[in-house]
């Protein structure tokens, strides 16, 4: 996976997973309710678009969700599209 060396941070205060790439903040907004994590919105700055950043961030987020024994509800259209391309992650669906 590209961006393996860039850590994913769970910013609990802002309710998002975030990565900083080339000084730019990329993030996925989430809500946590009853052991389910709702992925609401994915955002990558325009300067980083088309470089695989969002996909790497989503995959790192899925790994975090799996490691923390959560189930997810993908409300974000990008995450929904990612799941269509990578159906093996459907195991995390609530």
N, C-alpha and C. Protein backbone atom coordinates (compact mmCIF):
# COMPACT_ATOMS: atom_id res chain seq x y z
N UNK A 1 0.86 -1.19 0.00
CA UNK A 1 0.00 0.00 0.00
C UNK A 1 0.89 1.24 0.00
N UNK A 2 0.55 2.19 -0.83
CA UNK A 2 1.26 3.46 -0.79
C UNK A 2 0.99 4.14 0.55
N UNK A 3 1.91 4.95 0.98
CA UNK A 3 1.78 5.72 2.22
C UNK A 3 1.84 4.85 3.47
N UNK A 4 2.46 3.65 3.36
CA UNK A 4 2.61 2.78 4.52
C UNK A 4 3.34 3.46 5.67
N UNK A 5 4.28 4.33 5.33
CA UNK A 5 5.12 4.96 6.36
C UNK A 5 4.44 6.15 7.03
N UNK A 6 3.26 6.53 6.56
CA UNK A 6 2.56 7.68 7.15
C UNK A 6 1.49 7.16 8.10
N UNK A 7 1.60 7.53 9.38
CA UNK A 7 0.65 6.99 10.36
C UNK A 7 -0.75 7.58 10.21
N UNK A 8 -1.73 6.76 10.57
CA UNK A 8 -3.12 7.20 10.66
C UNK A 8 -3.36 7.55 12.12
N UNK A 9 -3.85 8.74 12.37
CA UNK A 9 -4.12 9.19 13.73
C UNK A 9 -5.62 9.23 13.96
N UNK A 10 -6.06 8.65 15.07
CA UNK A 10 -7.46 8.77 15.46
C UNK A 10 -7.58 10.01 16.32
N UNK A 11 -8.07 11.09 15.75
CA UNK A 11 -8.28 12.34 16.48
C UNK A 11 -9.66 12.29 17.11
N UNK A 12 -9.71 11.75 18.32
CA UNK A 12 -11.00 11.52 18.98
C UNK A 12 -11.73 12.84 19.28
N UNK A 13 -10.98 13.90 19.54
CA UNK A 13 -11.59 15.20 19.84
C UNK A 13 -12.37 15.73 18.63
N UNK A 14 -11.83 15.50 17.43
CA UNK A 14 -12.49 15.97 16.21
C UNK A 14 -13.34 14.89 15.55
N UNK A 15 -13.35 13.68 16.11
CA UNK A 15 -14.09 12.55 15.54
C UNK A 15 -13.66 12.28 14.10
N UNK A 16 -12.34 12.20 13.88
CA UNK A 16 -11.90 11.78 12.56
C UNK A 16 -10.56 11.07 12.61
N UNK A 17 -10.36 10.27 11.57
CA UNK A 17 -9.08 9.63 11.33
C UNK A 17 -8.35 10.57 10.39
N UNK A 18 -7.07 10.81 10.64
CA UNK A 18 -6.37 11.77 9.81
C UNK A 18 -4.95 11.33 9.51
N UNK A 19 -4.47 11.80 8.38
CA UNK A 19 -3.09 11.61 7.95
C UNK A 19 -2.61 12.97 7.45
N UNK A 20 -1.33 13.24 7.66
CA UNK A 20 -0.73 14.46 7.12
C UNK A 20 0.27 14.05 6.05
N UNK A 21 0.03 14.52 4.83
CA UNK A 21 0.88 14.18 3.68
C UNK A 21 1.32 15.49 3.03
N UNK A 22 2.61 15.65 2.87
CA UNK A 22 3.17 16.88 2.28
C UNK A 22 2.62 18.12 2.97
N UNK A 23 2.47 18.04 4.30
CA UNK A 23 1.97 19.18 5.07
C UNK A 23 0.48 19.41 4.97
N UNK A 24 -0.24 18.54 4.24
CA UNK A 24 -1.70 18.68 4.06
C UNK A 24 -2.44 17.67 4.93
N UNK A 25 -3.51 18.12 5.57
CA UNK A 25 -4.32 17.25 6.42
C UNK A 25 -5.41 16.58 5.60
N UNK A 26 -5.45 15.25 5.66
CA UNK A 26 -6.48 14.44 5.00
C UNK A 26 -7.24 13.76 6.13
N UNK A 27 -8.55 13.56 5.96
CA UNK A 27 -9.29 12.97 7.08
C UNK A 27 -10.56 12.26 6.64
N UNK A 28 -11.04 11.41 7.56
CA UNK A 28 -12.33 10.75 7.43
C UNK A 28 -13.10 11.07 8.71
N UNK A 29 -14.22 11.76 8.57
CA UNK A 29 -15.08 12.05 9.72
C UNK A 29 -15.84 10.79 10.10
N UNK A 30 -16.02 10.60 11.40
CA UNK A 30 -16.80 9.45 11.86
C UNK A 30 -17.64 9.81 13.08
N UNK A 31 -18.62 8.95 13.34
CA UNK A 31 -19.41 8.99 14.57
C UNK A 31 -19.33 7.60 15.17
N UNK A 32 -19.18 7.52 16.47
CA UNK A 32 -19.12 6.24 17.17
C UNK A 32 -20.35 6.09 18.04
N UNK A 33 -21.14 5.05 17.79
CA UNK A 33 -22.37 4.81 18.56
C UNK A 33 -22.55 3.30 18.76
N UNK A 34 -22.71 2.89 19.99
CA UNK A 34 -23.06 1.50 20.34
C UNK A 34 -22.15 0.48 19.66
N UNK A 35 -20.86 0.71 19.69
CA UNK A 35 -19.92 -0.25 19.11
C UNK A 35 -19.86 -0.24 17.59
N UNK A 36 -20.57 0.70 16.98
CA UNK A 36 -20.52 0.85 15.52
C UNK A 36 -19.86 2.17 15.20
N UNK A 37 -19.08 2.16 14.11
CA UNK A 37 -18.45 3.39 13.67
C UNK A 37 -19.06 3.77 12.31
N UNK A 38 -19.60 4.97 12.27
CA UNK A 38 -20.24 5.48 11.06
C UNK A 38 -19.23 6.37 10.33
N UNK A 39 -18.81 5.95 9.14
CA UNK A 39 -17.86 6.74 8.35
C UNK A 39 -18.67 7.72 7.50
N UNK A 40 -18.53 9.00 7.83
CA UNK A 40 -19.44 10.02 7.32
C UNK A 40 -18.90 10.73 6.07
N UNK A 41 -17.62 11.09 6.08
CA UNK A 41 -17.09 11.95 5.01
C UNK A 41 -15.59 11.76 4.90
N UNK A 42 -15.09 11.63 3.68
CA UNK A 42 -13.66 11.54 3.41
C UNK A 42 -13.23 12.80 2.68
N UNK A 43 -12.12 13.39 3.14
CA UNK A 43 -11.65 14.62 2.49
C UNK A 43 -10.13 14.58 2.29
N UNK A 44 -9.74 14.86 1.04
CA UNK A 44 -8.33 14.97 0.66
C UNK A 44 -8.17 16.32 -0.04
N UNK A 45 -7.19 17.12 0.36
CA UNK A 45 -6.99 18.41 -0.31
C UNK A 45 -6.74 18.24 -1.81
N UNK A 46 -7.19 19.22 -2.56
CA UNK A 46 -7.10 19.15 -4.03
C UNK A 46 -5.67 18.89 -4.50
N UNK A 47 -4.68 19.43 -3.80
CA UNK A 47 -3.28 19.25 -4.20
C UNK A 47 -2.84 17.79 -4.17
N UNK A 48 -3.57 16.95 -3.41
CA UNK A 48 -3.19 15.54 -3.27
C UNK A 48 -4.11 14.59 -4.04
N UNK A 49 -5.13 15.12 -4.69
CA UNK A 49 -6.09 14.27 -5.40
C UNK A 49 -5.39 13.48 -6.51
N UNK A 50 -5.88 12.26 -6.72
CA UNK A 50 -5.37 11.42 -7.79
C UNK A 50 -4.08 10.69 -7.46
N UNK A 51 -3.66 10.73 -6.20
CA UNK A 51 -2.41 10.09 -5.80
C UNK A 51 -2.62 8.87 -4.91
N UNK A 52 -3.87 8.44 -4.77
CA UNK A 52 -4.14 7.24 -3.96
C UNK A 52 -4.22 7.50 -2.47
N UNK A 53 -4.27 8.77 -2.09
CA UNK A 53 -4.29 9.11 -0.67
C UNK A 53 -5.57 8.63 0.00
N UNK A 54 -6.72 8.92 -0.60
CA UNK A 54 -8.00 8.54 0.02
C UNK A 54 -8.09 7.03 0.19
N UNK A 55 -7.69 6.28 -0.83
CA UNK A 55 -7.74 4.82 -0.74
C UNK A 55 -6.84 4.28 0.37
N UNK A 56 -5.65 4.84 0.48
CA UNK A 56 -4.73 4.41 1.54
C UNK A 56 -5.30 4.74 2.91
N UNK A 57 -5.90 5.91 3.02
CA UNK A 57 -6.48 6.33 4.31
C UNK A 57 -7.67 5.44 4.68
N UNK A 58 -8.51 5.11 3.71
CA UNK A 58 -9.65 4.23 3.97
C UNK A 58 -9.15 2.85 4.41
N UNK A 59 -8.16 2.32 3.72
CA UNK A 59 -7.66 1.00 4.10
C UNK A 59 -7.06 1.01 5.51
N UNK A 60 -6.30 2.03 5.84
CA UNK A 60 -5.75 2.14 7.20
C UNK A 60 -6.87 2.26 8.23
N UNK A 61 -7.94 2.98 7.88
CA UNK A 61 -9.09 3.12 8.77
C UNK A 61 -9.76 1.76 8.98
N UNK A 62 -9.91 0.99 7.91
CA UNK A 62 -10.51 -0.35 8.03
C UNK A 62 -9.67 -1.24 8.94
N UNK A 63 -8.35 -1.15 8.81
CA UNK A 63 -7.47 -1.95 9.67
C UNK A 63 -7.67 -1.55 11.14
N UNK A 64 -7.76 -0.24 11.39
CA UNK A 64 -8.01 0.25 12.74
C UNK A 64 -9.34 -0.30 13.26
N UNK A 65 -10.38 -0.22 12.45
CA UNK A 65 -11.71 -0.70 12.84
C UNK A 65 -11.65 -2.18 13.20
N UNK A 66 -10.97 -2.96 12.36
CA UNK A 66 -10.87 -4.40 12.61
C UNK A 66 -10.09 -4.68 13.89
N UNK A 67 -8.97 -3.99 14.08
CA UNK A 67 -8.14 -4.20 15.27
C UNK A 67 -8.88 -3.82 16.56
N UNK A 68 -9.83 -2.90 16.47
CA UNK A 68 -10.58 -2.45 17.65
C UNK A 68 -11.95 -3.13 17.76
N UNK A 69 -12.15 -4.17 16.96
CA UNK A 69 -13.37 -5.01 17.02
C UNK A 69 -14.65 -4.20 16.91
N UNK A 70 -14.63 -3.25 15.97
CA UNK A 70 -15.82 -2.44 15.71
C UNK A 70 -16.48 -2.92 14.42
N UNK A 71 -17.72 -2.54 14.24
CA UNK A 71 -18.43 -2.75 12.98
C UNK A 71 -18.70 -1.38 12.39
N UNK A 72 -18.69 -1.30 11.06
CA UNK A 72 -18.84 0.02 10.45
C UNK A 72 -20.12 0.14 9.63
N UNK A 73 -20.54 1.40 9.52
CA UNK A 73 -21.65 1.79 8.67
C UNK A 73 -21.09 2.85 7.72
N UNK A 74 -20.90 2.49 6.43
CA UNK A 74 -20.28 3.43 5.49
C UNK A 74 -21.31 4.40 4.90
N UNK A 75 -21.36 5.60 5.45
CA UNK A 75 -22.27 6.63 4.93
C UNK A 75 -21.60 7.45 3.83
N UNK A 76 -20.28 7.51 3.85
CA UNK A 76 -19.52 8.29 2.88
C UNK A 76 -19.55 7.63 1.51
N UNK A 77 -19.90 8.38 0.46
CA UNK A 77 -19.93 7.80 -0.89
C UNK A 77 -18.57 7.23 -1.33
N UNK A 78 -17.48 7.88 -0.95
CA UNK A 78 -16.17 7.34 -1.34
C UNK A 78 -15.92 5.98 -0.69
N UNK A 79 -16.25 5.86 0.58
CA UNK A 79 -16.06 4.58 1.27
C UNK A 79 -16.95 3.51 0.64
N UNK A 80 -18.16 3.87 0.27
CA UNK A 80 -19.06 2.91 -0.39
C UNK A 80 -18.46 2.42 -1.70
N UNK A 81 -17.89 3.33 -2.49
CA UNK A 81 -17.24 2.95 -3.76
C UNK A 81 -16.02 2.08 -3.50
N UNK A 82 -15.25 2.41 -2.48
CA UNK A 82 -14.07 1.62 -2.13
C UNK A 82 -14.47 0.17 -1.83
N UNK A 83 -15.56 0.02 -1.09
CA UNK A 83 -16.04 -1.33 -0.74
C UNK A 83 -16.48 -2.12 -1.97
N UNK A 84 -16.99 -1.44 -2.99
CA UNK A 84 -17.35 -2.14 -4.22
C UNK A 84 -16.12 -2.68 -4.93
N UNK A 85 -15.01 -1.93 -4.85
CA UNK A 85 -13.75 -2.38 -5.46
C UNK A 85 -13.00 -3.39 -4.60
N UNK A 86 -13.24 -3.35 -3.29
CA UNK A 86 -12.51 -4.22 -2.36
C UNK A 86 -13.50 -4.93 -1.43
N UNK A 87 -14.32 -5.83 -1.99
CA UNK A 87 -15.40 -6.44 -1.20
C UNK A 87 -14.92 -7.28 -0.02
N UNK A 88 -13.64 -7.62 0.03
CA UNK A 88 -13.16 -8.40 1.17
C UNK A 88 -13.33 -7.63 2.49
N UNK A 89 -13.44 -6.31 2.42
CA UNK A 89 -13.63 -5.51 3.63
C UNK A 89 -15.10 -5.49 4.09
N UNK A 90 -16.00 -6.07 3.31
CA UNK A 90 -17.41 -6.11 3.73
C UNK A 90 -17.58 -6.86 5.05
N UNK A 91 -16.57 -7.62 5.46
CA UNK A 91 -16.64 -8.33 6.74
C UNK A 91 -16.77 -7.36 7.92
N UNK A 92 -16.46 -6.10 7.70
CA UNK A 92 -16.55 -5.12 8.79
C UNK A 92 -17.92 -4.45 8.88
N UNK A 93 -18.79 -4.72 7.91
CA UNK A 93 -20.08 -4.04 7.88
C UNK A 93 -20.97 -4.45 9.06
N UNK A 94 -21.67 -3.46 9.60
CA UNK A 94 -22.59 -3.72 10.72
C UNK A 94 -23.83 -4.43 10.22
